[in-house]
Amino acid sequence: MLPNKKEHPKEKEGLHRLNKHRARYIFKELIESCNELAPFVSKNKYDDESIDFSNPKAVLQLNKALLKHHYGIQNWDIPENYLCPPIPGRADYIHNIAQLLGNATHGIIPKGKNIRCLDIGVGASCIYPIIGVKEYEWSFVGADIDNISLASATQIIETNAILKENVELRLQSNSNDIFRGIIQNNEVFDVTICNPPFHSSLEEAKAGTLRKLSNLNHKKITKPTLNFGGKSNELWCDGGEEKFVKNMIIQSKEIPTSCFWFSSIVSKQAHLNAIYWALKESGATDVKTIEMAHGNKVSRIVAWTFLNQQQQADWIEKRWNLDI
């Protein structure tokens, strides 16, 4: 006998109000957009249609369907074992950043190609540019240290007309650098975004994956199959998230007028105090922390600027073409 039918809220709590993924997935519509998803959809123990989120192939096909159905991306794939991002959470980052920009202009979110976004670690999926171009028509520069990731992202861009004129990719040749070698002289961005490597070692990354899979399967998993994939440079780096973001802050201080808002995901709350201290030491004029909740997971965006109030006003008047 099936357990009692599980009651679900009409919308997922915690996601941004503009996020297309607040409602539960309607698998019939997703399959109509992407037939390849069909074999992976079945009834769960509550008699709800779902997929096995611990199955990498199922997660990949779900992403393909979501991108086709909601964003008009007809051609999307990633190399085996590369990071397959959870799209609702990635969309939340873009919408929260858009709202952050709009907070300076009485809630009017700046749109169009003139708004330039730098994605640090664009990855093989090119996911942030896809969402930002579709939702706000922004233009993107995506940077990465991995040639295979850039080749995959290039294939996605070249085979989807909506991206072709709006996304440029750049190779970061020095793994110790973030903005150096990427932001050119006299080049400006309205915002930078980043989802930094979370873990500080391969062993820590494997342990984190096992915990995630154990939670998804409601039992202890000992084999580290990656349901969302991820190569070493995507999942971990020396010093982990905290060191990466602190290095980003140091390098952002070198180019204080090249960007309106610098930003990064900070997944672990314990890292915040060290990051806030680094921002204070850097001389940032304003720091914002935006919490994001996806199911049981809580993360946050930390954003900072070096522009004073007059510089911000001049930036908006010169670049954003808003009638306010």
C-alpha atoms as a PDB file:
ATOM      1  CA  MET A   1       0.000   0.000   0.000  1.00  0.00           C
ATOM      2  CA  LEU A   2       1.220   3.476  -0.884  1.00  0.00           C
ATOM      3  CA  PRO A   3       1.889   5.984   1.910  1.00  0.00           C
ATOM      4  CA  ASN A   4      -0.610   8.790   2.258  1.00  0.00           C
ATOM      5  CA  LYS A   5      -0.419  11.220  -0.658  1.00  0.00           C
ATOM      6  CA  LYS A   6       2.104  13.880   0.258  1.00  0.00           C
ATOM      7  CA  GLU A   7       0.745  17.406   0.317  1.00  0.00           C
ATOM      8  CA  HIS A   8       2.994  19.904  -1.411  1.00  0.00           C
ATOM      9  CA  PRO A   9       2.910  23.699  -1.197  1.00  0.00           C
ATOM     10  CA  LYS A  10       1.894  25.400  -4.443  1.00  0.00           C
ATOM     11  CA  GLU A  11       5.291  27.083  -4.596  1.00  0.00           C
ATOM     12  CA  LYS A  12       8.717  26.175  -3.243  1.00  0.00           C
ATOM     13  CA  GLU A  13       9.532  28.375  -0.312  1.00  0.00           C
ATOM     14  CA  GLY A  14      12.733  30.364  -0.326  1.00  0.00           C
ATOM     15  CA  LEU A  15      13.132  30.861  -4.071  1.00  0.00           C
ATOM     16  CA  HIS A  16      13.080  34.380  -5.500  1.00  0.00           C
ATOM     17  CA  ARG A  17       9.638  35.606  -6.560  1.00  0.00           C
ATOM     18  CA  LEU A  18      10.798  35.896 -10.208  1.00  0.00           C
ATOM     19  CA  ASN A  19      12.272  32.399 -10.323  1.00  0.00           C
ATOM     20  CA  LYS A  20      10.545  30.255 -12.983  1.00  0.00           C
ATOM     21  CA  HIS A  21      11.059  27.179 -10.823  1.00  0.00           C
ATOM     22  CA  ARG A  22       9.010  28.140  -7.767  1.00  0.00           C
ATOM     23  CA  ALA A  23       6.222  25.741  -8.768  1.00  0.00           C
ATOM     24  CA  ARG A  24       6.693  21.973  -8.719  1.00  0.00           C
ATOM     25  CA  TYR A  25       7.946  20.402 -11.914  1.00  0.00           C
ATOM     26  CA  ILE A  26       5.164  19.485 -14.333  1.00  0.00           C
ATOM     27  CA  PHE A  27       6.807  16.470 -15.911  1.00  0.00           C
ATOM     28  CA  LYS A  28       4.222  16.109 -18.667  1.00  0.00           C
ATOM     29  CA  GLU A  29       5.165  19.558 -19.996  1.00  0.00           C
ATOM     30  CA  LEU A  30       8.891  18.929 -19.551  1.00  0.00           C
ATOM     31  CA  ILE A  31       8.666  15.649 -21.481  1.00  0.00           C
ATOM     32  CA  GLU A  32       6.794  17.405 -24.271  1.00  0.00           C
ATOM     33  CA  SER A  33       9.763  19.779 -24.524  1.00  0.00           C
ATOM     34  CA  CYS A  34      12.368  17.030 -24.173  1.00  0.00           C
ATOM     35  CA  ASN A  35      11.317  13.453 -24.927  1.00  0.00           C
ATOM     36  CA  GLU A  36      14.651  12.112 -23.660  1.00  0.00           C
ATOM     37  CA  LEU A  37      13.475  12.814 -20.097  1.00  0.00           C
ATOM     38  CA  ALA A  38      10.561  10.351 -20.296  1.00  0.00           C
ATOM     39  CA  PRO A  39      12.440   7.109 -19.421  1.00  0.00           C
ATOM     40  CA  PHE A  40      13.692   8.661 -16.192  1.00  0.00           C
ATOM     41  CA  VAL A  41      10.298   9.795 -14.858  1.00  0.00           C
ATOM     42  CA  SER A  42       8.290   7.472 -12.633  1.00  0.00           C
ATOM     43  CA  LYS A  43       5.974   7.547  -9.631  1.00  0.00           C
ATOM     44  CA  ASN A  44       7.688   7.768  -6.277  1.00  0.00           C
ATOM     45  CA  LYS A  45       6.450   6.233  -3.033  1.00  0.00           C
ATOM     46  CA  TYR A  46       3.997   9.115  -2.605  1.00  0.00           C
ATOM     47  CA  ASP A  47       2.549   8.483  -6.098  1.00  0.00           C
ATOM     48  CA  ASP A  48       4.103  11.714  -7.388  1.00  0.00           C
ATOM     49  CA  GLU A  49       5.943  11.881 -10.705  1.00  0.00           C
ATOM     50  CA  SER A  50       9.637  12.451 -10.134  1.00  0.00           C
ATOM     51  CA  ILE A  51      13.122  11.322 -11.110  1.00  0.00           C
ATOM     52  CA  ASP A  52      15.896   9.617  -9.169  1.00  0.00           C
ATOM     53  CA  PHE A  53      18.014  12.612  -8.219  1.00  0.00           C
ATOM     54  CA  SER A  54      20.934  10.327  -7.361  1.00  0.00           C
ATOM     55  CA  ASN A  55      21.092   9.181 -11.000  1.00  0.00           C
ATOM     56  CA  PRO A  56      23.437  11.458 -12.992  1.00  0.00           C
ATOM     57  CA  LYS A  57      21.750  10.607 -16.308  1.00  0.00           C
ATOM     58  CA  ALA A  58      18.327  11.500 -14.919  1.00  0.00           C
ATOM     59  CA  VAL A  59      19.595  14.824 -13.558  1.00  0.00           C
ATOM     60  CA  LEU A  60      21.232  15.640 -16.896  1.00  0.00           C
ATOM     61  CA  GLN A  61      18.004  14.991 -18.831  1.00  0.00           C
ATOM     62  CA  LEU A  62      15.996  17.032 -16.331  1.00  0.00           C
ATOM     63  CA  ASN A  63      18.354  19.960 -16.894  1.00  0.00           C
ATOM     64  CA  LYS A  64      18.027  19.610 -20.671  1.00  0.00           C
ATOM     65  CA  ALA A  65      14.246  19.657 -20.336  1.00  0.00           C
ATOM     66  CA  LEU A  66      14.220  22.668 -17.998  1.00  0.00           C
ATOM     67  CA  LEU A  67      16.506  24.642 -20.305  1.00  0.00           C
ATOM     68  CA  LYS A  68      14.431  23.830 -23.376  1.00  0.00           C
ATOM     69  CA  HIS A  69      11.080  24.447 -21.712  1.00  0.00           C
ATOM     70  CA  HIS A  70      11.856  27.623 -19.763  1.00  0.00           C
ATOM     71  CA  TYR A  71      14.818  29.223 -21.545  1.00  0.00           C
ATOM     72  CA  GLY A  72      14.521  28.168 -25.194  1.00  0.00           C
ATOM     73  CA  ILE A  73      17.885  26.390 -25.183  1.00  0.00           C
ATOM     74  CA  GLN A  74      17.589  23.685 -27.826  1.00  0.00           C
ATOM     75  CA  ASN A  75      21.144  22.369 -27.701  1.00  0.00           C
ATOM     76  CA  TRP A  76      22.752  21.750 -24.325  1.00  0.00           C
ATOM     77  CA  ASP A  77      25.042  19.061 -23.006  1.00  0.00           C
ATOM     78  CA  ILE A  78      28.124  18.759 -20.817  1.00  0.00           C
ATOM     79  CA  PRO A  79      31.110  16.393 -20.866  1.00  0.00           C
ATOM     80  CA  GLU A  80      30.922  13.314 -18.663  1.00  0.00           C
ATOM     81  CA  ASN A  81      31.747  13.956 -15.000  1.00  0.00           C
ATOM     82  CA  TYR A  82      31.514  17.738 -15.309  1.00  0.00           C
ATOM     83  CA  LEU A  83      29.293  19.738 -12.979  1.00  0.00           C
ATOM     84  CA  CYS A  84      25.585  19.482 -13.786  1.00  0.00           C
ATOM     85  CA  PRO A  85      24.161  22.462 -11.891  1.00  0.00           C
ATOM     86  CA  PRO A  86      20.798  22.556 -10.088  1.00  0.00           C
ATOM     87  CA  ILE A  87      19.047  25.143 -12.244  1.00  0.00           C
ATOM     88  CA  PRO A  88      16.564  26.615  -9.697  1.00  0.00           C
ATOM     89  CA  GLY A  89      19.425  27.646  -7.400  1.00  0.00           C
ATOM     90  CA  ARG A  90      21.443  29.127 -10.246  1.00  0.00           C
ATOM     91  CA  ALA A  91      18.410  31.103 -11.387  1.00  0.00           C
ATOM     92  CA  ASP A  92      18.004  32.454  -7.852  1.00  0.00           C
ATOM     93  CA  TYR A  93      21.510  33.937  -7.958  1.00  0.00           C
ATOM     94  CA  ILE A  94      20.754  35.789 -11.190  1.00  0.00           C
ATOM     95  CA  HIS A  95      17.396  37.119  -9.962  1.00  0.00           C
ATOM     96  CA  ASN A  96      18.829  38.266  -6.633  1.00  0.00           C
ATOM     97  CA  ILE A  97      21.689  40.037  -8.399  1.00  0.00           C
ATOM     98  CA  ALA A  98      19.178  41.690 -10.746  1.00  0.00           C
ATOM     99  CA  GLN A  99      17.225  42.896  -7.729  1.00  0.00           C
ATOM    100  CA  LEU A 100      20.444  44.183  -6.137  1.00  0.00           C
ATOM    101  CA  LEU A 101      21.086  46.301  -9.242  1.00  0.00           C
ATOM    102  CA  GLY A 102      17.481  47.482  -9.184  1.00  0.00           C
ATOM    103  CA  ASN A 103      17.692  48.553  -5.547  1.00  0.00           C
ATOM    104  CA  ALA A 104      19.808  51.519  -6.676  1.00  0.00           C
ATOM    105  CA  THR A 105      17.139  52.616  -9.163  1.00  0.00           C
ATOM    106  CA  HIS A 106      13.855  52.538  -7.240  1.00  0.00           C
ATOM    107  CA  GLY A 107      13.304  48.878  -8.072  1.00  0.00           C
ATOM    108  CA  ILE A 108      13.758  49.239 -11.836  1.00  0.00           C
ATOM    109  CA  ILE A 109      16.011  46.356 -12.895  1.00  0.00           C
ATOM    110  CA  PRO A 110      18.405  47.402 -15.673  1.00  0.00           C
ATOM    111  CA  LYS A 111      18.067  45.189 -18.734  1.00  0.00           C
ATOM    112  CA  GLY A 112      19.660  44.875 -22.147  1.00  0.00           C
ATOM    113  CA  LYS A 113      23.043  44.139 -23.686  1.00  0.00           C
ATOM    114  CA  ASN A 114      24.588  47.253 -22.175  1.00  0.00           C
ATOM    115  CA  ILE A 115      24.496  45.550 -18.765  1.00  0.00           C
ATOM    116  CA  ARG A 116      27.679  43.510 -18.617  1.00  0.00           C
ATOM    117  CA  CYS A 117      28.168  40.563 -16.263  1.00  0.00           C
ATOM    118  CA  LEU A 118      31.417  38.689 -15.648  1.00  0.00           C
ATOM    119  CA  ASP A 119      30.958  35.045 -14.667  1.00  0.00           C
ATOM    120  CA  ILE A 120      34.029  33.718 -12.854  1.00  0.00           C
ATOM    121  CA  GLY A 121      34.108  29.956 -13.433  1.00  0.00           C
ATOM    122  CA  VAL A 122      31.531  29.791 -16.216  1.00  0.00           C
ATOM    123  CA  GLY A 123      31.927  26.026 -16.359  1.00  0.00           C
ATOM    124  CA  ALA A 124      31.000  23.503 -19.019  1.00  0.00           C
ATOM    125  CA  SER A 125      27.278  24.197 -18.541  1.00  0.00           C
ATOM    126  CA  CYS A 126      27.372  27.964 -19.244  1.00  0.00           C
ATOM    127  CA  ILE A 127      24.371  28.108 -16.943  1.00  0.00           C
ATOM    128  CA  TYR A 128      24.559  31.657 -15.556  1.00  0.00           C
ATOM    129  CA  PRO A 129      24.879  33.308 -18.989  1.00  0.00           C
ATOM    130  CA  ILE A 130      21.942  31.232 -20.259  1.00  0.00           C
ATOM    131  CA  ILE A 131      19.684  32.453 -17.474  1.00  0.00           C
ATOM    132  CA  GLY A 132      20.945  36.040 -17.472  1.00  0.00           C
ATOM    133  CA  VAL A 133      20.611  36.444 -21.235  1.00  0.00           C
ATOM    134  CA  LYS A 134      17.118  34.941 -21.332  1.00  0.00           C
ATOM    135  CA  GLU A 135      15.709  36.708 -18.293  1.00  0.00           C
ATOM    136  CA  TYR A 136      17.344  40.140 -18.556  1.00  0.00           C
ATOM    137  CA  GLU A 137      19.063  40.274 -21.973  1.00  0.00           C
ATOM    138  CA  TRP A 138      22.384  41.034 -20.285  1.00  0.00           C
ATOM    139  CA  SER A 139      25.682  40.396 -22.042  1.00  0.00           C
ATOM    140  CA  PHE A 140      28.224  38.087 -20.418  1.00  0.00           C
ATOM    141  CA  VAL A 141      31.902  37.340 -20.305  1.00  0.00           C
ATOM    142  CA  GLY A 142      32.555  33.856 -18.942  1.00  0.00           C
ATOM    143  CA  ALA A 143      36.004  33.018 -17.582  1.00  0.00           C
ATOM    144  CA  ASP A 144      37.403  29.600 -16.684  1.00  0.00           C
ATOM    145  CA  ILE A 145      40.741  27.868 -16.132  1.00  0.00           C
ATOM    146  CA  ASP A 146      39.603  24.628 -17.797  1.00  0.00           C
ATOM    147  CA  ASN A 147      39.883  24.262 -21.579  1.00  0.00           C
ATOM    148  CA  ILE A 148      37.358  21.420 -21.739  1.00  0.00           C
ATOM    149  CA  SER A 149      34.793  23.525 -19.868  1.00  0.00           C
ATOM    150  CA  LEU A 150      35.352  26.390 -22.283  1.00  0.00           C
ATOM    151  CA  ALA A 151      35.057  24.075 -25.292  1.00  0.00           C
ATOM    152  CA  SER A 152      31.737  22.769 -23.948  1.00  0.00           C
ATOM    153  CA  ALA A 153      30.454  26.279 -23.211  1.00  0.00           C
ATOM    154  CA  THR A 154      31.535  27.376 -26.698  1.00  0.00           C
ATOM    155  CA  GLN A 155      29.504  24.556 -28.245  1.00  0.00           C
ATOM    156  CA  ILE A 156      26.425  25.629 -26.253  1.00  0.00           C
ATOM    157  CA  ILE A 157      26.845  29.263 -27.302  1.00  0.00           C
ATOM    158  CA  GLU A 158      27.481  28.523 -30.971  1.00  0.00           C
ATOM    159  CA  THR A 159      24.428  26.251 -31.292  1.00  0.00           C
ATOM    160  CA  ASN A 160      21.889  28.526 -29.580  1.00  0.00           C
ATOM    161  CA  ALA A 161      21.142  31.786 -31.377  1.00  0.00           C
ATOM    162  CA  ILE A 162      19.996  33.582 -28.217  1.00  0.00           C
ATOM    163  CA  LEU A 163      23.517  33.252 -26.786  1.00  0.00           C
ATOM    164  CA  LYS A 164      25.684  33.730 -29.839  1.00  0.00           C
ATOM    165  CA  GLU A 165      25.914  37.527 -29.816  1.00  0.00           C
ATOM    166  CA  ASN A 166      25.668  37.901 -26.044  1.00  0.00           C
ATOM    167  CA  VAL A 167      28.312  35.661 -24.472  1.00  0.00           C
ATOM    168  CA  GLU A 168      32.100  35.837 -24.794  1.00  0.00           C
ATOM    169  CA  LEU A 169      34.458  33.288 -23.214  1.00  0.00           C
ATOM    170  CA  ARG A 170      37.978  33.881 -21.885  1.00  0.00           C
ATOM    171  CA  LEU A 171      40.620  31.470 -20.595  1.00  0.00           C
ATOM    172  CA  GLN A 172      42.169  32.249 -17.232  1.00  0.00           C
ATOM    173  CA  SER A 173      45.724  30.990 -17.750  1.00  0.00           C
ATOM    174  CA  ASN A 174      46.822  31.448 -14.125  1.00  0.00           C
ATOM    175  CA  SER A 175      44.886  29.365 -11.597  1.00  0.00           C
ATOM    176  CA  ASN A 176      45.925  31.748  -8.814  1.00  0.00           C
ATOM    177  CA  ASP A 177      44.283  34.706 -10.510  1.00  0.00           C
ATOM    178  CA  ILE A 178      40.628  35.645 -10.694  1.00  0.00           C
ATOM    179  CA  PHE A 179      40.225  39.097 -12.234  1.00  0.00           C
ATOM    180  CA  ARG A 180      43.846  39.590 -13.309  1.00  0.00           C
ATOM    181  CA  GLY A 181      44.257  38.678 -16.943  1.00  0.00           C
ATOM    182  CA  ILE A 182      40.485  38.645 -17.504  1.00  0.00           C
ATOM    183  CA  ILE A 183      39.279  42.221 -16.965  1.00  0.00           C
ATOM    184  CA  GLN A 184      41.120  44.328 -19.522  1.00  0.00           C
ATOM    185  CA  ASN A 185      42.350  47.909 -19.157  1.00  0.00           C
ATOM    186  CA  ASN A 186      39.459  50.407 -19.270  1.00  0.00           C
ATOM    187  CA  GLU A 187      36.917  47.554 -19.346  1.00  0.00           C
ATOM    188  CA  VAL A 188      33.940  47.789 -16.992  1.00  0.00           C
ATOM    189  CA  PHE A 189      31.309  45.370 -15.709  1.00  0.00           C
ATOM    190  CA  ASP A 190      28.102  46.118 -13.899  1.00  0.00           C
ATOM    191  CA  VAL A 191      28.370  42.956 -11.838  1.00  0.00           C
ATOM    192  CA  THR A 192      30.611  39.938 -11.363  1.00  0.00           C
ATOM    193  CA  ILE A 193      29.253  36.589 -10.200  1.00  0.00           C
ATOM    194  CA  CYS A 194      30.956  33.454  -8.949  1.00  0.00           C
ATOM    195  CA  ASN A 195      30.109  30.065  -7.491  1.00  0.00           C
ATOM    196  CA  PRO A 196      33.518  29.234  -6.033  1.00  0.00           C
ATOM    197  CA  PRO A 197      34.913  25.756  -5.355  1.00  0.00           C
ATOM    198  CA  PHE A 198      33.465  24.876  -1.973  1.00  0.00           C
ATOM    199  CA  HIS A 199      35.832  22.223  -0.631  1.00  0.00           C
ATOM    200  CA  SER A 200      39.488  22.504   0.338  1.00  0.00           C
ATOM    201  CA  SER A 201      40.557  19.021  -0.824  1.00  0.00           C
ATOM    202  CA  LEU A 202      39.487  16.101  -3.001  1.00  0.00           C
ATOM    203  CA  GLU A 203      38.823  13.990   0.101  1.00  0.00           C
ATOM    204  CA  GLU A 204      36.535  16.650   1.541  1.00  0.00           C
ATOM    205  CA  ALA A 205      34.683  16.905  -1.789  1.00  0.00           C
ATOM    206  CA  LYS A 206      34.124  13.126  -1.880  1.00  0.00           C
ATOM    207  CA  ALA A 207      32.849  13.133   1.699  1.00  0.00           C
ATOM    208  CA  GLY A 208      30.428  15.940   0.872  1.00  0.00           C
ATOM    209  CA  THR A 209      29.134  14.027  -2.139  1.00  0.00           C
ATOM    210  CA  LEU A 210      28.547  10.917  -0.023  1.00  0.00           C
ATOM    211  CA  ARG A 211      26.527  12.952   2.482  1.00  0.00           C
ATOM    212  CA  LYS A 212      24.427  14.421  -0.325  1.00  0.00           C
ATOM    213  CA  LEU A 213      23.739  11.028  -1.886  1.00  0.00           C
ATOM    214  CA  SER A 214      22.954   9.488   1.493  1.00  0.00           C
ATOM    215  CA  ASN A 215      20.384  12.230   2.122  1.00  0.00           C
ATOM    216  CA  LEU A 216      18.824  11.751  -1.320  1.00  0.00           C
ATOM    217  CA  ASN A 217      18.536   7.983  -0.877  1.00  0.00           C
ATOM    218  CA  HIS A 218      17.653   8.036   2.834  1.00  0.00           C
ATOM    219  CA  LYS A 219      20.386   5.508   3.493  1.00  0.00           C
ATOM    220  CA  LYS A 220      24.143   5.503   3.897  1.00  0.00           C
ATOM    221  CA  ILE A 221      25.988   5.569   0.555  1.00  0.00           C
ATOM    222  CA  THR A 222      29.655   4.576   0.454  1.00  0.00           C
ATOM    223  CA  LYS A 223      30.383   4.832  -3.289  1.00  0.00           C
ATOM    224  CA  PRO A 224      31.003   8.464  -4.374  1.00  0.00           C
ATOM    225  CA  THR A 225      28.913   8.605  -7.565  1.00  0.00           C
ATOM    226  CA  LEU A 226      28.442  12.288  -8.368  1.00  0.00           C
ATOM    227  CA  ASN A 227      24.799  12.988  -9.161  1.00  0.00           C
ATOM    228  CA  PHE A 228      25.647  16.526 -10.203  1.00  0.00           C
ATOM    229  CA  GLY A 229      29.141  15.672 -11.422  1.00  0.00           C
ATOM    230  CA  GLY A 230      32.082  17.964 -10.950  1.00  0.00           C
ATOM    231  CA  LYS A 231      35.801  17.980 -11.779  1.00  0.00           C
ATOM    232  CA  SER A 232      38.431  18.887  -9.210  1.00  0.00           C
ATOM    233  CA  ASN A 233      38.651  22.571 -10.145  1.00  0.00           C
ATOM    234  CA  GLU A 234      34.853  22.861  -9.916  1.00  0.00           C
ATOM    235  CA  LEU A 235      34.494  21.246  -6.480  1.00  0.00           C
ATOM    236  CA  TRP A 236      37.648  22.079  -4.527  1.00  0.00           C
ATOM    237  CA  CYS A 237      40.722  24.267  -4.396  1.00  0.00           C
ATOM    238  CA  ASP A 238      43.509  24.887  -1.926  1.00  0.00           C
ATOM    239  CA  GLY A 239      41.956  26.651   1.035  1.00  0.00           C
ATOM    240  CA  GLY A 240      38.431  26.060  -0.224  1.00  0.00           C
ATOM    241  CA  GLU A 241      35.692  28.631  -0.528  1.00  0.00           C
ATOM    242  CA  GLU A 242      36.966  31.001   2.161  1.00  0.00           C
ATOM    243  CA  LYS A 243      40.446  31.412   0.667  1.00  0.00           C
ATOM    244  CA  PHE A 244      39.041  31.722  -2.856  1.00  0.00           C
ATOM    245  CA  VAL A 245      36.650  34.537  -1.921  1.00  0.00           C
ATOM    246  CA  LYS A 246      39.299  36.348   0.107  1.00  0.00           C
ATOM    247  CA  ASN A 247      41.615  36.224  -2.911  1.00  0.00           C
ATOM    248  CA  MET A 248      38.772  37.561  -5.035  1.00  0.00           C
ATOM    249  CA  ILE A 249      38.379  40.485  -2.627  1.00  0.00           C
ATOM    250  CA  ILE A 250      42.113  41.266  -2.751  1.00  0.00           C
ATOM    251  CA  GLN A 251      42.078  41.310  -6.559  1.00  0.00           C
ATOM    252  CA  SER A 252      38.855  43.339  -6.728  1.00  0.00           C
ATOM    253  CA  LYS A 253      40.530  46.049  -4.660  1.00  0.00           C
ATOM    254  CA  GLU A 254      43.074  46.435  -7.490  1.00  0.00           C
ATOM    255  CA  ILE A 255      40.289  47.424  -9.926  1.00  0.00           C
ATOM    256  CA  PRO A 256      37.806  49.312  -7.696  1.00  0.00           C
ATOM    257  CA  THR A 257      36.180  51.317 -10.492  1.00  0.00           C
ATOM    258  CA  SER A 258      35.994  48.478 -13.033  1.00  0.00           C
ATOM    259  CA  CYS A 259      32.812  47.034 -11.566  1.00  0.00           C
ATOM    260  CA  PHE A 260      29.716  48.341  -9.788  1.00  0.00           C
ATOM    261  CA  TRP A 261      29.041  45.200  -7.703  1.00  0.00           C
ATOM    262  CA  PHE A 262      31.441  42.312  -7.177  1.00  0.00           C
ATOM    263  CA  SER A 263      29.761  39.204  -5.786  1.00  0.00           C
ATOM    264  CA  SER A 264      30.176  35.573  -4.854  1.00  0.00           C
ATOM    265  CA  ILE A 265      28.194  32.705  -3.420  1.00  0.00           C
ATOM    266  CA  VAL A 266      29.261  31.840   0.134  1.00  0.00           C
ATOM    267  CA  SER A 267      27.882  28.415   0.990  1.00  0.00           C
ATOM    268  CA  LYS A 268      29.130  28.067   4.541  1.00  0.00           C
ATOM    269  CA  GLN A 269      28.050  30.551   7.203  1.00  0.00           C
ATOM    270  CA  ALA A 270      31.230  29.898   9.195  1.00  0.00           C
ATOM    271  CA  HIS A 271      33.225  31.597   6.422  1.00  0.00           C
ATOM    272  CA  LEU A 272      31.368  34.902   6.674  1.00  0.00           C
ATOM    273  CA  ASN A 273      33.315  36.559   9.489  1.00  0.00           C
ATOM    274  CA  ALA A 274      36.654  36.107   7.714  1.00  0.00           C
ATOM    275  CA  ILE A 275      35.144  37.380   4.462  1.00  0.00           C
ATOM    276  CA  TYR A 276      33.596  40.430   6.159  1.00  0.00           C
ATOM    277  CA  TRP A 277      36.956  41.208   7.764  1.00  0.00           C
ATOM    278  CA  ALA A 278      38.691  40.988   4.387  1.00  0.00           C
ATOM    279  CA  LEU A 279      36.100  43.353   2.912  1.00  0.00           C
ATOM    280  CA  LYS A 280      36.623  45.837   5.744  1.00  0.00           C
ATOM    281  CA  GLU A 281      40.387  45.686   5.203  1.00  0.00           C
ATOM    282  CA  SER A 282      39.911  46.195   1.462  1.00  0.00           C
ATOM    283  CA  GLY A 283      38.006  49.450   1.943  1.00  0.00           C
ATOM    284  CA  ALA A 284      34.725  48.349   0.375  1.00  0.00           C
ATOM    285  CA  THR A 285      32.189  51.174   0.668  1.00  0.00           C
ATOM    286  CA  ASP A 286      29.155  48.900   0.874  1.00  0.00           C
ATOM    287  CA  VAL A 287      28.596  45.187   1.517  1.00  0.00           C
ATOM    288  CA  LYS A 288      25.343  43.290   1.035  1.00  0.00           C
ATOM    289  CA  THR A 289      24.485  39.750   2.133  1.00  0.00           C
ATOM    290  CA  ILE A 290      21.513  38.091   0.425  1.00  0.00           C
ATOM    291  CA  GLU A 291      20.304  34.770   1.819  1.00  0.00           C
ATOM    292  CA  MET A 292      18.996  32.062  -0.502  1.00  0.00           C
ATOM    293  CA  ALA A 293      17.158  28.928   0.636  1.00  0.00           C
ATOM    294  CA  HIS A 294      16.762  25.879  -1.616  1.00  0.00           C
ATOM    295  CA  GLY A 295      14.949  23.132   0.254  1.00  0.00           C
ATOM    296  CA  ASN A 296      16.975  22.409   3.382  1.00  0.00           C
ATOM    297  CA  LYS A 297      20.077  24.138   2.031  1.00  0.00           C
ATOM    298  CA  VAL A 298      20.767  27.769   2.930  1.00  0.00           C
ATOM    299  CA  SER A 299      23.497  29.750   1.200  1.00  0.00           C
ATOM    300  CA  ARG A 300      24.020  33.422   0.552  1.00  0.00           C
ATOM    301  CA  ILE A 301      25.388  35.939  -1.903  1.00  0.00           C
ATOM    302  CA  VAL A 302      27.960  38.378  -0.575  1.00  0.00           C
ATOM    303  CA  ALA A 303      28.245  41.478  -2.774  1.00  0.00           C
ATOM    304  CA  TRP A 304      30.522  44.485  -2.373  1.00  0.00           C
ATOM    305  CA  THR A 305      31.371  47.741  -4.104  1.00  0.00           C
ATOM    306  CA  PHE A 306      34.136  50.307  -3.859  1.00  0.00           C
ATOM    307  CA  LEU A 307      32.083  53.080  -5.478  1.00  0.00           C
ATOM    308  CA  ASN A 308      30.884  55.959  -3.321  1.00  0.00           C
ATOM    309  CA  GLN A 309      27.373  57.366  -3.670  1.00  0.00           C
ATOM    310  CA  GLN A 310      28.337  59.936  -6.314  1.00  0.00           C
ATOM    311  CA  GLN A 311      30.271  57.370  -8.345  1.00  0.00           C
ATOM    312  CA  GLN A 312      27.286  55.023  -8.202  1.00  0.00           C
ATOM    313  CA  ALA A 313      24.932  57.747  -9.390  1.00  0.00           C
ATOM    314  CA  ASP A 314      27.294  58.685 -12.231  1.00  0.00           C
ATOM    315  CA  TRP A 315      27.614  55.008 -13.229  1.00  0.00           C
ATOM    316  CA  ILE A 316      23.839  54.554 -13.399  1.00  0.00           C
ATOM    317  CA  GLU A 317      23.302  57.746 -15.397  1.00  0.00           C
ATOM    318  CA  LYS A 318      26.071  56.921 -17.867  1.00  0.00           C
ATOM    319  CA  ARG A 319      25.486  53.200 -18.410  1.00  0.00           C
ATOM    320  CA  TRP A 320      22.018  52.018 -17.535  1.00  0.00           C
ATOM    321  CA  ASN A 321      19.784  54.163 -19.765  1.00  0.00           C
ATOM    322  CA  LEU A 322      16.903  54.187 -17.294  1.00  0.00           C
ATOM    323  CA  ASP A 323      14.030  56.623 -17.217  1.00  0.00           C
ATOM    324  CA  ILE A 324      13.893  57.317 -13.486  1.00  0.00           C
END
